[in-house]
Amino acid sequence: MKNIALCLTVFVLLSCKQKNSVNQPAKDEQIITQYIADNKLDAKATGTGLYYVITNAGIGSQPNINSNVTVKYKGYLSNGSVFDQSANNGISFSLASVIKGWQQGIPLFKKGGKGILLIPSELGYGNVSQGAIPENSVLIFDIELIDVK
């Protein structure tokens, strides 16, 4: 009888975990759309879960997945807690080497462009904690695309 109860408990726990992971995109969507409403943002959706706001389109070249870019950014969670930010002169990296949310979002800007990326957990770090970022976190970035190479 104890084995049956234990098996049932394990089954219920696993079922709940699977149910939560299935609902994560819907939860992220709710968090993002609420954040957009609360902050009166004019955000656009890409169809992949990513939302973005362009406050300055910039001029010049737009990056692609093979570009090296320099970006000034501030990253925070939907509750406003900052988890990372660059120096004023930004940070340079290959776009292919960063999270999918940046791979999809940064190419929406031209050199000199500024805006906000609202990234669902699936395009961020997913169900894995990363430093000060808890698992299944929506990530919000204020970004400025300083350079494209």
Foldseek 3Di string as FASTA:
>chain_A
DVVVVVVVVVVVVVVVVVVCLVCLLVVLLVLVVVLCVVVVAPWDDPPPSKIKGWPFQDDDDFAAQAKKFFKFKWKDFSVRHTDDTDPPRGDIDRSVPAFQQSNVPRSSGHAQIWIKMWAWQVRHVAQDADRVRHHRTTMMMTMTTHDID
